[in-house]
Amino acid sequence: MHKYSLPEKINNEEELDEILSRPLPETIEDLSEIDGDIMILGVAGKIGPTLARLIKRAIDAGGLKKRVIGVSRFTNPEVAHKMKRDGVEVISCDLLDEDAVENLPNVSNIIFMVGRKFGSEADSPLTWATNTFLPAQVSKKFRNSRIVVFSTGNVYPLVKVSSRGADEAFPPNPIGEYAQSCLGRERIFEYFCRKYGTKALFMRLNYAIDLRYGVLLDIAKKVFEGIPINLRMGYVNMIWQGDVNNIVVRSLKICDNPPQILNVTGPEIVPVRWIAQKFGKIFNKEVIFEDEEADDALLSDATKCHMIFGYPKVTLGHMINWVAHWVLINGPTFNKPTHFEVRNGRF
């Protein structure tokens, strides 16, 4: 198989993680033009491990002399073990501990992935501390670094489906405390970037697709199990996580002051009903729907991203076929539903 060809099916996590961590030639080239080492804060989440591995593979492919360092609490030691195996340095750190953050090594490039969403309603103070207080500590510590900040399209309000979605100039108007705290994260970074002249980029992502989690998996499992599909959030954006990983690395090159804002998602506005029907046809299952589509949804226009970095390499068709096969073989999942159908912001 050619290095950048895509398989018809993905059969196990080893194959999945290999595809998710493939650096594109343009990623390797851009990384060669970025000086200094790279540190990923909050690396042990859903996206971080494959991102760290991709960076290490890009460094090796380009013959570059850079370190990639992953920082997290590593409550699951197996994650740290795999990263070390892949050549990623790891530092165990509670990033809510101010002294621990201060003791981290100074690195030229920071990818900030720390965030709290799942269960955020159960402990709102922790959500706000994680999404706003912690960024203040990081902003001060790494004032002389480039910083790519993972954010979310949830900072936008619901927009008309007839539109292309909210672009970067669209005024934020987050729904619910989780989304409000995410805008708070951006504002805190923005404040300290203004104070110190730090170059940054806010990456507003929705929704990343892995086979172990994501909107497609949520819909596919319900169709397969005969659970009704709720249509109240009737349209979604999505992008393959491997494409996201490449965009993140390349975004280090365009960090700026004031911070850049970049919507990251696929080019399509995809009807949930259509997705469910596609899975129903593949599984030969009757699809059960409930409620009706509203005329608005949480949608982002990623035209700017596509103009800078090109269209995603993995198509919607690839993602649907891969997820369907994963469900059929009972592939492992993270058991973290996206709650994409939520319209009141309460996660």
C-alpha atoms as a PDB file:
ATOM      1  CA  MET A   1       0.000   0.000   0.000  1.00  0.00           C
ATOM      2  CA  HIS A   2       1.337   3.428  -0.941  1.00  0.00           C
ATOM      3  CA  LYS A   3       2.267   5.485   2.074  1.00  0.00           C
ATOM      4  CA  TYR A   4      -0.593   7.962   1.596  1.00  0.00           C
ATOM      5  CA  SER A   5      -3.208   5.659   0.095  1.00  0.00           C
ATOM      6  CA  LEU A   6      -6.314   4.981   2.154  1.00  0.00           C
ATOM      7  CA  PRO A   7      -7.605   1.488   2.927  1.00  0.00           C
ATOM      8  CA  GLU A   8     -11.171   0.333   2.323  1.00  0.00           C
ATOM      9  CA  LYS A   9     -11.396  -0.889   5.922  1.00  0.00           C
ATOM     10  CA  ILE A  10      -9.579  -0.362   9.224  1.00  0.00           C
ATOM     11  CA  ASN A  11      -9.496  -3.575  11.233  1.00  0.00           C
ATOM     12  CA  ASN A  12      -7.810  -2.780  14.545  1.00  0.00           C
ATOM     13  CA  GLU A  13      -6.421   0.009  16.709  1.00  0.00           C
ATOM     14  CA  GLU A  14      -2.880  -0.474  15.410  1.00  0.00           C
ATOM     15  CA  GLU A  15      -4.040   0.249  11.857  1.00  0.00           C
ATOM     16  CA  LEU A  16      -6.230   3.110  13.078  1.00  0.00           C
ATOM     17  CA  ASP A  17      -3.479   4.846  15.035  1.00  0.00           C
ATOM     18  CA  GLU A  18      -1.068   4.464  12.100  1.00  0.00           C
ATOM     19  CA  ILE A  19      -3.481   6.280   9.772  1.00  0.00           C
ATOM     20  CA  LEU A  20      -4.312   8.959  12.355  1.00  0.00           C
ATOM     21  CA  SER A  21      -0.606   9.703  12.892  1.00  0.00           C
ATOM     22  CA  ARG A  22       0.510   9.903   9.242  1.00  0.00           C
ATOM     23  CA  PRO A  23       2.282  13.204   8.544  1.00  0.00           C
ATOM     24  CA  LEU A  24       1.635  14.713   5.123  1.00  0.00           C
ATOM     25  CA  PRO A  25       4.648  15.875   3.063  1.00  0.00           C
ATOM     26  CA  GLU A  26       3.537  19.485   3.536  1.00  0.00           C
ATOM     27  CA  THR A  27       3.419  18.943   7.303  1.00  0.00           C
ATOM     28  CA  ILE A  28       7.007  17.692   7.291  1.00  0.00           C
ATOM     29  CA  GLU A  29       8.040  20.687   5.186  1.00  0.00           C
ATOM     30  CA  ASP A  30       6.275  23.198   7.445  1.00  0.00           C
ATOM     31  CA  LEU A  31       7.725  21.593  10.558  1.00  0.00           C
ATOM     32  CA  SER A  32      11.226  22.013   9.124  1.00  0.00           C
ATOM     33  CA  GLU A  33      10.583  25.768   8.973  1.00  0.00           C
ATOM     34  CA  ILE A  34       9.430  26.006  12.601  1.00  0.00           C
ATOM     35  CA  ASP A  35      12.290  26.514  15.016  1.00  0.00           C
ATOM     36  CA  GLY A  36      12.483  24.787  18.394  1.00  0.00           C
ATOM     37  CA  ASP A  37      10.920  21.860  20.201  1.00  0.00           C
ATOM     38  CA  ILE A  38       7.189  21.138  20.607  1.00  0.00           C
ATOM     39  CA  MET A  39       5.303  20.523  23.838  1.00  0.00           C
ATOM     40  CA  ILE A  40       1.719  19.247  23.939  1.00  0.00           C
ATOM     41  CA  LEU A  41      -0.169  20.150  27.111  1.00  0.00           C
ATOM     42  CA  GLY A  42      -3.040  17.793  27.931  1.00  0.00           C
ATOM     43  CA  VAL A  43      -1.663  15.152  25.595  1.00  0.00           C
ATOM     44  CA  ALA A  44      -3.414  12.103  27.088  1.00  0.00           C
ATOM     45  CA  GLY A  45      -6.910  12.910  25.806  1.00  0.00           C
ATOM     46  CA  LYS A  46      -8.699  11.571  22.738  1.00  0.00           C
ATOM     47  CA  ILE A  47      -6.592  13.359  20.104  1.00  0.00           C
ATOM     48  CA  GLY A  48      -3.244  13.970  21.819  1.00  0.00           C
ATOM     49  CA  PRO A  49      -1.565  10.544  21.540  1.00  0.00           C
ATOM     50  CA  THR A  50      -1.900  10.312  17.750  1.00  0.00           C
ATOM     51  CA  LEU A  51      -0.937  13.985  17.367  1.00  0.00           C
ATOM     52  CA  ALA A  52       2.253  13.428  19.380  1.00  0.00           C
ATOM     53  CA  ARG A  53       3.084  10.352  17.321  1.00  0.00           C
ATOM     54  CA  LEU A  54       2.470  12.247  14.066  1.00  0.00           C
ATOM     55  CA  ILE A  55       4.846  15.010  15.140  1.00  0.00           C
ATOM     56  CA  LYS A  56       7.536  12.482  16.022  1.00  0.00           C
ATOM     57  CA  ARG A  57       7.074  10.726  12.667  1.00  0.00           C
ATOM     58  CA  ALA A  58       7.317  14.078  10.852  1.00  0.00           C
ATOM     59  CA  ILE A  59      10.507  14.950  12.759  1.00  0.00           C
ATOM     60  CA  ASP A  60      12.071  11.621  11.836  1.00  0.00           C
ATOM     61  CA  ALA A  61      10.929  11.782   8.198  1.00  0.00           C
ATOM     62  CA  GLY A  62      12.392  15.267   7.821  1.00  0.00           C
ATOM     63  CA  GLY A  63      15.654  14.400   9.536  1.00  0.00           C
ATOM     64  CA  LEU A  64      14.982  17.195  12.024  1.00  0.00           C
ATOM     65  CA  LYS A  65      16.548  17.704  15.423  1.00  0.00           C
ATOM     66  CA  LYS A  66      13.536  18.484  17.565  1.00  0.00           C
ATOM     67  CA  ARG A  67      11.983  17.073  20.707  1.00  0.00           C
ATOM     68  CA  VAL A  68       8.292  16.398  21.129  1.00  0.00           C
ATOM     69  CA  ILE A  69       7.152  16.400  24.736  1.00  0.00           C
ATOM     70  CA  GLY A  70       3.759  15.288  26.011  1.00  0.00           C
ATOM     71  CA  VAL A  71       2.454  16.653  29.311  1.00  0.00           C
ATOM     72  CA  SER A  72      -0.521  15.248  31.224  1.00  0.00           C
ATOM     73  CA  ARG A  73      -1.492  13.654  34.513  1.00  0.00           C
ATOM     74  CA  PHE A  74      -1.351  10.273  32.732  1.00  0.00           C
ATOM     75  CA  THR A  75      -3.972   8.665  34.933  1.00  0.00           C
ATOM     76  CA  ASN A  76      -3.706   5.730  32.502  1.00  0.00           C
ATOM     77  CA  PRO A  77      -0.007   4.708  32.581  1.00  0.00           C
ATOM     78  CA  GLU A  78      -0.424   2.730  29.347  1.00  0.00           C
ATOM     79  CA  VAL A  79      -0.806   6.003  27.417  1.00  0.00           C
ATOM     80  CA  ALA A  80       2.552   7.258  28.693  1.00  0.00           C
ATOM     81  CA  HIS A  81       4.137   3.884  27.928  1.00  0.00           C
ATOM     82  CA  LYS A  82       2.970   3.950  24.298  1.00  0.00           C
ATOM     83  CA  MET A  83       4.204   7.516  23.844  1.00  0.00           C
ATOM     84  CA  LYS A  84       7.639   6.630  25.152  1.00  0.00           C
ATOM     85  CA  ARG A  85       7.674   3.655  22.795  1.00  0.00           C
ATOM     86  CA  ASP A  86       6.946   6.049  19.915  1.00  0.00           C
ATOM     87  CA  GLY A  87       9.849   8.304  20.902  1.00  0.00           C
ATOM     88  CA  VAL A  88       7.787  11.010  22.621  1.00  0.00           C
ATOM     89  CA  GLU A  89       9.144  12.384  25.888  1.00  0.00           C
ATOM     90  CA  VAL A  90       6.558  12.471  28.663  1.00  0.00           C
ATOM     91  CA  ILE A  91       6.168  14.633  31.746  1.00  0.00           C
ATOM     92  CA  SER A  92       3.566  13.770  34.377  1.00  0.00           C
ATOM     93  CA  CYS A  93       2.009  16.996  35.623  1.00  0.00           C
ATOM     94  CA  ASP A  94      -1.257  18.277  37.087  1.00  0.00           C
ATOM     95  CA  LEU A  95      -1.645  21.441  35.035  1.00  0.00           C
ATOM     96  CA  LEU A  96      -3.976  22.952  37.639  1.00  0.00           C
ATOM     97  CA  ASP A  97      -0.951  22.996  39.992  1.00  0.00           C
ATOM     98  CA  GLU A  98       0.628  26.436  39.525  1.00  0.00           C
ATOM     99  CA  ASP A  99       4.053  25.357  40.796  1.00  0.00           C
ATOM    100  CA  ALA A 100       4.074  22.313  38.531  1.00  0.00           C
ATOM    101  CA  VAL A 101       3.317  24.473  35.484  1.00  0.00           C
ATOM    102  CA  GLU A 102       6.070  26.902  36.446  1.00  0.00           C
ATOM    103  CA  ASN A 103       8.561  24.034  36.635  1.00  0.00           C
ATOM    104  CA  LEU A 104       7.883  22.805  33.104  1.00  0.00           C
ATOM    105  CA  PRO A 105      10.762  23.357  30.664  1.00  0.00           C
ATOM    106  CA  ASN A 106      10.555  26.380  28.393  1.00  0.00           C
ATOM    107  CA  VAL A 107       9.762  25.249  24.858  1.00  0.00           C
ATOM    108  CA  SER A 108       9.388  27.323  21.682  1.00  0.00           C
ATOM    109  CA  ASN A 109       6.117  25.731  20.513  1.00  0.00           C
ATOM    110  CA  ILE A 110       3.105  24.866  22.666  1.00  0.00           C
ATOM    111  CA  ILE A 111       0.006  22.950  21.606  1.00  0.00           C
ATOM    112  CA  PHE A 112      -2.633  23.501  24.280  1.00  0.00           C
ATOM    113  CA  MET A 113      -5.183  20.691  24.401  1.00  0.00           C
ATOM    114  CA  VAL A 114      -6.414  20.963  27.974  1.00  0.00           C
ATOM    115  CA  GLY A 115     -10.162  21.243  28.295  1.00  0.00           C
ATOM    116  CA  ARG A 116     -13.129  19.879  30.185  1.00  0.00           C
ATOM    117  CA  LYS A 117     -16.403  19.034  28.473  1.00  0.00           C
ATOM    118  CA  PHE A 118     -17.817  15.639  29.392  1.00  0.00           C
ATOM    119  CA  GLY A 119     -19.590  15.931  32.706  1.00  0.00           C
ATOM    120  CA  SER A 120     -19.033  19.677  32.805  1.00  0.00           C
ATOM    121  CA  GLU A 121     -22.522  20.256  34.212  1.00  0.00           C
ATOM    122  CA  ALA A 122     -21.722  18.013  37.190  1.00  0.00           C
ATOM    123  CA  ASP A 123     -18.882  20.246  38.407  1.00  0.00           C
ATOM    124  CA  SER A 124     -19.097  23.706  36.851  1.00  0.00           C
ATOM    125  CA  PRO A 125     -16.382  25.232  39.081  1.00  0.00           C
ATOM    126  CA  LEU A 126     -13.886  22.612  37.888  1.00  0.00           C
ATOM    127  CA  THR A 127     -14.942  23.250  34.297  1.00  0.00           C
ATOM    128  CA  TRP A 128     -14.281  26.976  34.664  1.00  0.00           C
ATOM    129  CA  ALA A 129     -10.986  26.410  36.492  1.00  0.00           C
ATOM    130  CA  THR A 130      -9.779  24.039  33.784  1.00  0.00           C
ATOM    131  CA  ASN A 131     -10.951  26.166  30.882  1.00  0.00           C
ATOM    132  CA  THR A 132     -10.015  29.639  32.180  1.00  0.00           C
ATOM    133  CA  PHE A 133      -7.759  29.625  35.260  1.00  0.00           C
ATOM    134  CA  LEU A 134      -5.356  27.042  33.867  1.00  0.00           C
ATOM    135  CA  PRO A 135      -4.882  28.969  30.583  1.00  0.00           C
ATOM    136  CA  ALA A 136      -3.820  32.008  32.609  1.00  0.00           C
ATOM    137  CA  GLN A 137      -0.991  30.006  34.185  1.00  0.00           C
ATOM    138  CA  VAL A 138       0.071  28.602  30.823  1.00  0.00           C
ATOM    139  CA  SER A 139      -0.103  32.023  29.142  1.00  0.00           C
ATOM    140  CA  LYS A 140       2.263  33.529  31.689  1.00  0.00           C
ATOM    141  CA  LYS A 141       4.666  30.586  31.730  1.00  0.00           C
ATOM    142  CA  PHE A 142       4.953  30.321  27.944  1.00  0.00           C
ATOM    143  CA  ARG A 143       4.706  34.005  27.064  1.00  0.00           C
ATOM    144  CA  ASN A 144       7.691  33.681  24.695  1.00  0.00           C
ATOM    145  CA  SER A 145       6.369  30.625  22.846  1.00  0.00           C
ATOM    146  CA  ARG A 146       4.072  30.136  19.888  1.00  0.00           C
ATOM    147  CA  ILE A 147       0.808  28.651  21.153  1.00  0.00           C
ATOM    148  CA  VAL A 148      -1.847  26.736  19.214  1.00  0.00           C
ATOM    149  CA  VAL A 149      -4.931  26.590  21.430  1.00  0.00           C
ATOM    150  CA  PHE A 150      -7.571  23.917  20.912  1.00  0.00           C
ATOM    151  CA  SER A 151     -10.964  25.630  21.077  1.00  0.00           C
ATOM    152  CA  THR A 152     -14.384  24.659  19.778  1.00  0.00           C
ATOM    153  CA  GLY A 153     -17.106  25.727  17.392  1.00  0.00           C
ATOM    154  CA  ASN A 154     -19.372  25.749  20.456  1.00  0.00           C
ATOM    155  CA  VAL A 155     -18.357  29.377  21.016  1.00  0.00           C
ATOM    156  CA  TYR A 156     -20.699  30.261  18.128  1.00  0.00           C
ATOM    157  CA  PRO A 157     -24.487  30.386  18.446  1.00  0.00           C
ATOM    158  CA  LEU A 158     -26.769  28.160  16.422  1.00  0.00           C
ATOM    159  CA  VAL A 159     -26.920  29.476  12.844  1.00  0.00           C
ATOM    160  CA  LYS A 160     -29.332  28.952   9.964  1.00  0.00           C
ATOM    161  CA  VAL A 161     -28.776  25.753   8.062  1.00  0.00           C
ATOM    162  CA  SER A 162     -29.252  27.745   4.852  1.00  0.00           C
ATOM    163  CA  SER A 163     -26.010  29.602   5.646  1.00  0.00           C
ATOM    164  CA  ARG A 164     -22.502  28.220   5.160  1.00  0.00           C
ATOM    165  CA  GLY A 165     -22.122  28.220   8.940  1.00  0.00           C
ATOM    166  CA  ALA A 166     -20.402  30.732  11.212  1.00  0.00           C
ATOM    167  CA  ASP A 167     -17.083  31.991   9.873  1.00  0.00           C
ATOM    168  CA  GLU A 168     -14.270  33.436  11.989  1.00  0.00           C
ATOM    169  CA  ALA A 169     -15.768  36.942  11.839  1.00  0.00           C
ATOM    170  CA  PHE A 170     -19.106  35.743  13.216  1.00  0.00           C
ATOM    171  CA  PRO A 171     -19.646  37.149  16.746  1.00  0.00           C
ATOM    172  CA  PRO A 172     -19.329  34.475  19.459  1.00  0.00           C
ATOM    173  CA  ASN A 173     -22.475  33.867  21.488  1.00  0.00           C
ATOM    174  CA  PRO A 174     -21.939  30.584  23.354  1.00  0.00           C
ATOM    175  CA  ILE A 175     -24.889  28.583  24.666  1.00  0.00           C
ATOM    176  CA  GLY A 176     -24.478  27.144  28.160  1.00  0.00           C
ATOM    177  CA  GLU A 177     -21.705  27.193  30.742  1.00  0.00           C
ATOM    178  CA  TYR A 178     -19.378  24.774  28.952  1.00  0.00           C
ATOM    179  CA  ALA A 179     -19.346  26.858  25.775  1.00  0.00           C
ATOM    180  CA  GLN A 180     -19.085  30.072  27.802  1.00  0.00           C
ATOM    181  CA  SER A 181     -16.014  28.723  29.581  1.00  0.00           C
ATOM    182  CA  CYS A 182     -14.485  27.834  26.188  1.00  0.00           C
ATOM    183  CA  LEU A 183     -14.883  31.427  25.035  1.00  0.00           C
ATOM    184  CA  GLY A 184     -13.416  32.358  28.413  1.00  0.00           C
ATOM    185  CA  ARG A 185     -10.360  30.243  27.584  1.00  0.00           C
ATOM    186  CA  GLU A 186      -9.871  32.186  24.358  1.00  0.00           C
ATOM    187  CA  ARG A 187     -10.326  35.530  26.091  1.00  0.00           C
ATOM    188  CA  ILE A 188      -7.769  34.667  28.791  1.00  0.00           C
ATOM    189  CA  PHE A 189      -5.186  33.668  26.199  1.00  0.00           C
ATOM    190  CA  GLU A 190      -6.050  36.769  24.186  1.00  0.00           C
ATOM    191  CA  TYR A 191      -5.495  39.005  27.217  1.00  0.00           C
ATOM    192  CA  PHE A 192      -2.051  37.597  27.973  1.00  0.00           C
ATOM    193  CA  CYS A 193      -1.076  37.536  24.295  1.00  0.00           C
ATOM    194  CA  ARG A 194      -1.870  41.252  24.215  1.00  0.00           C
ATOM    195  CA  LYS A 195       0.096  41.824  27.419  1.00  0.00           C
ATOM    196  CA  TYR A 196       3.212  39.873  26.402  1.00  0.00           C
ATOM    197  CA  GLY A 197       3.114  39.987  22.592  1.00  0.00           C
ATOM    198  CA  THR A 198       2.715  36.202  22.405  1.00  0.00           C
ATOM    199  CA  LYS A 199       1.846  34.736  19.001  1.00  0.00           C
ATOM    200  CA  ALA A 200      -1.058  32.290  19.084  1.00  0.00           C
ATOM    201  CA  LEU A 201      -3.825  30.633  17.098  1.00  0.00           C
ATOM    202  CA  PHE A 202      -7.264  29.576  18.366  1.00  0.00           C
ATOM    203  CA  MET A 203      -8.393  26.429  16.581  1.00  0.00           C
ATOM    204  CA  ARG A 204     -12.197  26.202  16.723  1.00  0.00           C
ATOM    205  CA  LEU A 205     -12.824  22.534  15.998  1.00  0.00           C
ATOM    206  CA  ASN A 206     -16.021  20.606  15.322  1.00  0.00           C
ATOM    207  CA  TYR A 207     -16.317  17.601  15.099  1.00  0.00           C
ATOM    208  CA  ALA A 208     -13.194  15.386  14.928  1.00  0.00           C
ATOM    209  CA  ILE A 209     -13.894  11.833  13.746  1.00  0.00           C
ATOM    210  CA  ASP A 210     -11.995   8.835  15.121  1.00  0.00           C
ATOM    211  CA  LEU A 211     -13.456   5.334  14.869  1.00  0.00           C
ATOM    212  CA  ARG A 212     -13.510   5.105  18.684  1.00  0.00           C
ATOM    213  CA  TYR A 213     -15.607   8.228  19.160  1.00  0.00           C
ATOM    214  CA  GLY A 214     -17.320  11.000  17.228  1.00  0.00           C
ATOM    215  CA  VAL A 215     -20.644  11.974  15.704  1.00  0.00           C
ATOM    216  CA  LEU A 216     -20.530   9.205  13.091  1.00  0.00           C
ATOM    217  CA  LEU A 217     -19.913   6.533  15.712  1.00  0.00           C
ATOM    218  CA  ASP A 218     -22.747   7.893  17.874  1.00  0.00           C
ATOM    219  CA  ILE A 219     -25.190   7.688  14.958  1.00  0.00           C
ATOM    220  CA  ALA A 220     -23.918   4.350  13.617  1.00  0.00           C
ATOM    221  CA  LYS A 221     -24.208   2.586  16.979  1.00  0.00           C
ATOM    222  CA  LYS A 222     -27.774   3.803  17.467  1.00  0.00           C
ATOM    223  CA  VAL A 223     -28.795   2.658  14.006  1.00  0.00           C
ATOM    224  CA  PHE A 224     -27.134  -0.731  14.552  1.00  0.00           C
ATOM    225  CA  GLU A 225     -28.799  -1.190  17.947  1.00  0.00           C
ATOM    226  CA  GLY A 226     -32.219   0.067  16.855  1.00  0.00           C
ATOM    227  CA  ILE A 227     -32.113   3.161  19.077  1.00  0.00           C
ATOM    228  CA  PRO A 228     -34.032   6.204  17.768  1.00  0.00           C
ATOM    229  CA  ILE A 229     -31.985   8.982  16.157  1.00  0.00           C
ATOM    230  CA  ASN A 230     -32.919  12.403  17.522  1.00  0.00           C
ATOM    231  CA  LEU A 231     -33.100  15.002  14.764  1.00  0.00           C
ATOM    232  CA  ARG A 232     -33.361  18.167  16.860  1.00  0.00           C
ATOM    233  CA  MET A 233     -29.756  19.027  15.888  1.00  0.00           C
ATOM    234  CA  GLY A 234     -30.322  17.952  12.336  1.00  0.00           C
ATOM    235  CA  TYR A 235     -27.081  19.017  10.652  1.00  0.00           C
ATOM    236  CA  VAL A 236     -23.403  18.682  11.563  1.00  0.00           C
ATOM    237  CA  ASN A 237     -19.851  19.398  10.379  1.00  0.00           C
ATOM    238  CA  MET A 238     -17.062  16.862  10.792  1.00  0.00           C
ATOM    239  CA  ILE A 239     -13.444  16.180   9.858  1.00  0.00           C
ATOM    240  CA  TRP A 240     -11.151  13.163  10.120  1.00  0.00           C
ATOM    241  CA  GLN A 241      -8.881  13.397  13.158  1.00  0.00           C
ATOM    242  CA  GLY A 242      -5.787  12.606  11.084  1.00  0.00           C
ATOM    243  CA  ASP A 243      -6.485  15.708   8.994  1.00  0.00           C
ATOM    244  CA  VAL A 244      -6.909  17.690  12.201  1.00  0.00           C
ATOM    245  CA  ASN A 245      -3.536  16.463  13.468  1.00  0.00           C
ATOM    246  CA  ASN A 246      -1.769  17.695  10.346  1.00  0.00           C
ATOM    247  CA  ILE A 247      -3.537  21.057  10.477  1.00  0.00           C
ATOM    248  CA  VAL A 248      -2.540  21.532  14.132  1.00  0.00           C
ATOM    249  CA  VAL A 249       1.152  21.085  13.392  1.00  0.00           C
ATOM    250  CA  ARG A 250       1.061  23.330  10.341  1.00  0.00           C
ATOM    251  CA  SER A 251      -0.846  25.990  12.313  1.00  0.00           C
ATOM    252  CA  LEU A 252       2.261  26.647  14.405  1.00  0.00           C
ATOM    253  CA  LYS A 253       3.633  28.391  11.332  1.00  0.00           C
ATOM    254  CA  ILE A 254       0.785  30.931  11.189  1.00  0.00           C
ATOM    255  CA  CYS A 255       0.482  31.877  14.866  1.00  0.00           C
ATOM    256  CA  ASP A 256       0.217  35.645  15.154  1.00  0.00           C
ATOM    257  CA  ASN A 257      -0.449  38.552  17.476  1.00  0.00           C
ATOM    258  CA  PRO A 258      -3.309  39.341  17.868  1.00  0.00           C
ATOM    259  CA  PRO A 259      -4.115  35.613  17.836  1.00  0.00           C
ATOM    260  CA  GLN A 260      -5.396  34.037  14.641  1.00  0.00           C
ATOM    261  CA  ILE A 261      -8.805  32.368  14.725  1.00  0.00           C
ATOM    262  CA  LEU A 262      -9.240  29.280  12.561  1.00  0.00           C
ATOM    263  CA  ASN A 263     -12.359  27.164  12.144  1.00  0.00           C
ATOM    264  CA  VAL A 264     -11.347  23.553  11.568  1.00  0.00           C
ATOM    265  CA  THR A 265     -13.913  21.155  10.133  1.00  0.00           C
ATOM    266  CA  GLY A 266     -14.915  19.540   6.861  1.00  0.00           C
ATOM    267  CA  PRO A 267     -16.413  21.373   3.877  1.00  0.00           C
ATOM    268  CA  GLU A 268     -19.877  19.794   4.081  1.00  0.00           C
ATOM    269  CA  ILE A 269     -22.956  20.581   6.126  1.00  0.00           C
ATOM    270  CA  VAL A 270     -24.188  17.012   6.590  1.00  0.00           C
ATOM    271  CA  PRO A 271     -27.804  16.083   7.438  1.00  0.00           C
ATOM    272  CA  VAL A 272     -28.062  13.712  10.397  1.00  0.00           C
ATOM    273  CA  ARG A 273     -31.021  12.008   8.716  1.00  0.00           C
ATOM    274  CA  TRP A 274     -28.909  11.257   5.616  1.00  0.00           C
ATOM    275  CA  ILE A 275     -26.039   9.862   7.723  1.00  0.00           C
ATOM    276  CA  ALA A 276     -28.413   7.571   9.630  1.00  0.00           C
ATOM    277  CA  GLN A 277     -29.988   6.345   6.388  1.00  0.00           C
ATOM    278  CA  LYS A 278     -26.546   5.563   4.949  1.00  0.00           C
ATOM    279  CA  PHE A 279     -25.747   3.427   7.992  1.00  0.00           C
ATOM    280  CA  GLY A 280     -29.181   1.821   7.831  1.00  0.00           C
ATOM    281  CA  LYS A 281     -28.502   0.737   4.272  1.00  0.00           C
ATOM    282  CA  ILE A 282     -25.046  -0.645   5.140  1.00  0.00           C
ATOM    283  CA  PHE A 283     -26.358  -2.517   8.216  1.00  0.00           C
ATOM    284  CA  ASN A 284     -29.635  -3.499   6.532  1.00  0.00           C
ATOM    285  CA  LYS A 285     -31.440  -1.994   9.530  1.00  0.00           C
ATOM    286  CA  GLU A 286     -34.584   0.096   9.776  1.00  0.00           C
ATOM    287  CA  VAL A 287     -33.753   3.579  11.031  1.00  0.00           C
ATOM    288  CA  ILE A 288     -35.964   5.066  13.725  1.00  0.00           C
ATOM    289  CA  PHE A 289     -36.166   8.849  13.996  1.00  0.00           C
ATOM    290  CA  GLU A 290     -37.622  11.118  16.653  1.00  0.00           C
ATOM    291  CA  ASP A 291     -38.304  14.866  16.674  1.00  0.00           C
ATOM    292  CA  GLU A 292     -37.772  17.030  13.597  1.00  0.00           C
ATOM    293  CA  GLU A 293     -34.899  19.069  12.220  1.00  0.00           C
ATOM    294  CA  ALA A 294     -34.765  22.695  13.328  1.00  0.00           C
ATOM    295  CA  ASP A 295     -33.816  25.357  10.794  1.00  0.00           C
ATOM    296  CA  ASP A 296     -30.626  26.142  12.729  1.00  0.00           C
ATOM    297  CA  ALA A 297     -27.698  24.131  14.069  1.00  0.00           C
ATOM    298  CA  LEU A 298     -24.142  24.410  15.407  1.00  0.00           C
ATOM    299  CA  LEU A 299     -22.257  24.857  12.132  1.00  0.00           C
ATOM    300  CA  SER A 300     -18.902  26.351  11.179  1.00  0.00           C
ATOM    301  CA  ASP A 301     -17.571  27.645   7.874  1.00  0.00           C
ATOM    302  CA  ALA A 302     -13.962  26.430   7.503  1.00  0.00           C
ATOM    303  CA  THR A 303     -13.273  28.127   4.143  1.00  0.00           C
ATOM    304  CA  LYS A 304     -10.288  29.993   5.609  1.00  0.00           C
ATOM    305  CA  CYS A 305      -8.706  26.745   6.799  1.00  0.00           C
ATOM    306  CA  HIS A 306      -9.215  25.071   3.430  1.00  0.00           C
ATOM    307  CA  MET A 307      -7.713  28.075   1.606  1.00  0.00           C
ATOM    308  CA  ILE A 308      -4.585  27.892   3.769  1.00  0.00           C
ATOM    309  CA  PHE A 309      -4.117  24.140   4.139  1.00  0.00           C
ATOM    310  CA  GLY A 310      -6.257  22.604   1.392  1.00  0.00           C
ATOM    311  CA  TYR A 311      -9.246  20.301   1.699  1.00  0.00           C
ATOM    312  CA  PRO A 312      -9.136  17.364   4.124  1.00  0.00           C
ATOM    313  CA  LYS A 313      -7.532  14.252   2.613  1.00  0.00           C
ATOM    314  CA  VAL A 314     -10.083  11.833   4.084  1.00  0.00           C
ATOM    315  CA  THR A 315     -13.556  12.170   2.584  1.00  0.00           C
ATOM    316  CA  LEU A 316     -16.929  11.839   4.261  1.00  0.00           C
ATOM    317  CA  GLY A 317     -17.444   8.620   2.309  1.00  0.00           C
ATOM    318  CA  HIS A 318     -14.253   7.114   3.731  1.00  0.00           C
ATOM    319  CA  MET A 319     -15.297   8.044   7.253  1.00  0.00           C
ATOM    320  CA  ILE A 320     -18.780   6.537   6.929  1.00  0.00           C
ATOM    321  CA  ASN A 321     -17.467   3.262   5.488  1.00  0.00           C
ATOM    322  CA  TRP A 322     -14.708   2.978   8.102  1.00  0.00           C
ATOM    323  CA  VAL A 323     -17.074   3.665  11.007  1.00  0.00           C
ATOM    324  CA  ALA A 324     -19.641   1.190   9.681  1.00  0.00           C
ATOM    325  CA  HIS A 325     -17.015  -1.562   9.459  1.00  0.00           C
ATOM    326  CA  TRP A 326     -15.744  -0.683  12.945  1.00  0.00           C
ATOM    327  CA  VAL A 327     -19.240  -1.116  14.378  1.00  0.00           C
ATOM    328  CA  LEU A 328     -19.703  -4.400  12.505  1.00  0.00           C
ATOM    329  CA  ILE A 329     -16.475  -5.847  13.947  1.00  0.00           C
ATOM    330  CA  ASN A 330     -17.317  -4.454  17.414  1.00  0.00           C
ATOM    331  CA  GLY A 331     -14.147  -2.346  17.487  1.00  0.00           C
ATOM    332  CA  PRO A 332     -13.182  -0.736  20.819  1.00  0.00           C
ATOM    333  CA  THR A 333     -14.565   2.702  21.694  1.00  0.00           C
ATOM    334  CA  PHE A 334     -13.787   5.381  24.253  1.00  0.00           C
ATOM    335  CA  ASN A 335     -17.435   5.302  25.403  1.00  0.00           C
ATOM    336  CA  LYS A 336     -17.599   9.096  25.238  1.00  0.00           C
ATOM    337  CA  PRO A 337     -20.642  10.220  23.256  1.00  0.00           C
ATOM    338  CA  THR A 338     -20.351  13.672  21.706  1.00  0.00           C
ATOM    339  CA  HIS A 339     -23.865  14.754  22.771  1.00  0.00           C
ATOM    340  CA  PHE A 340     -24.020  16.517  19.383  1.00  0.00           C
ATOM    341  CA  GLU A 341     -27.834  16.567  19.587  1.00  0.00           C
ATOM    342  CA  VAL A 342     -27.794  18.843  22.661  1.00  0.00           C
ATOM    343  CA  ARG A 343     -29.163  22.319  21.829  1.00  0.00           C
ATOM    344  CA  ASN A 344     -29.102  23.942  25.285  1.00  0.00           C
ATOM    345  CA  GLY A 345     -25.342  23.637  25.906  1.00  0.00           C
ATOM    346  CA  ARG A 346     -25.735  21.313  28.900  1.00  0.00           C
ATOM    347  CA  PHE A 347     -23.192  18.535  28.536  1.00  0.00           C
END
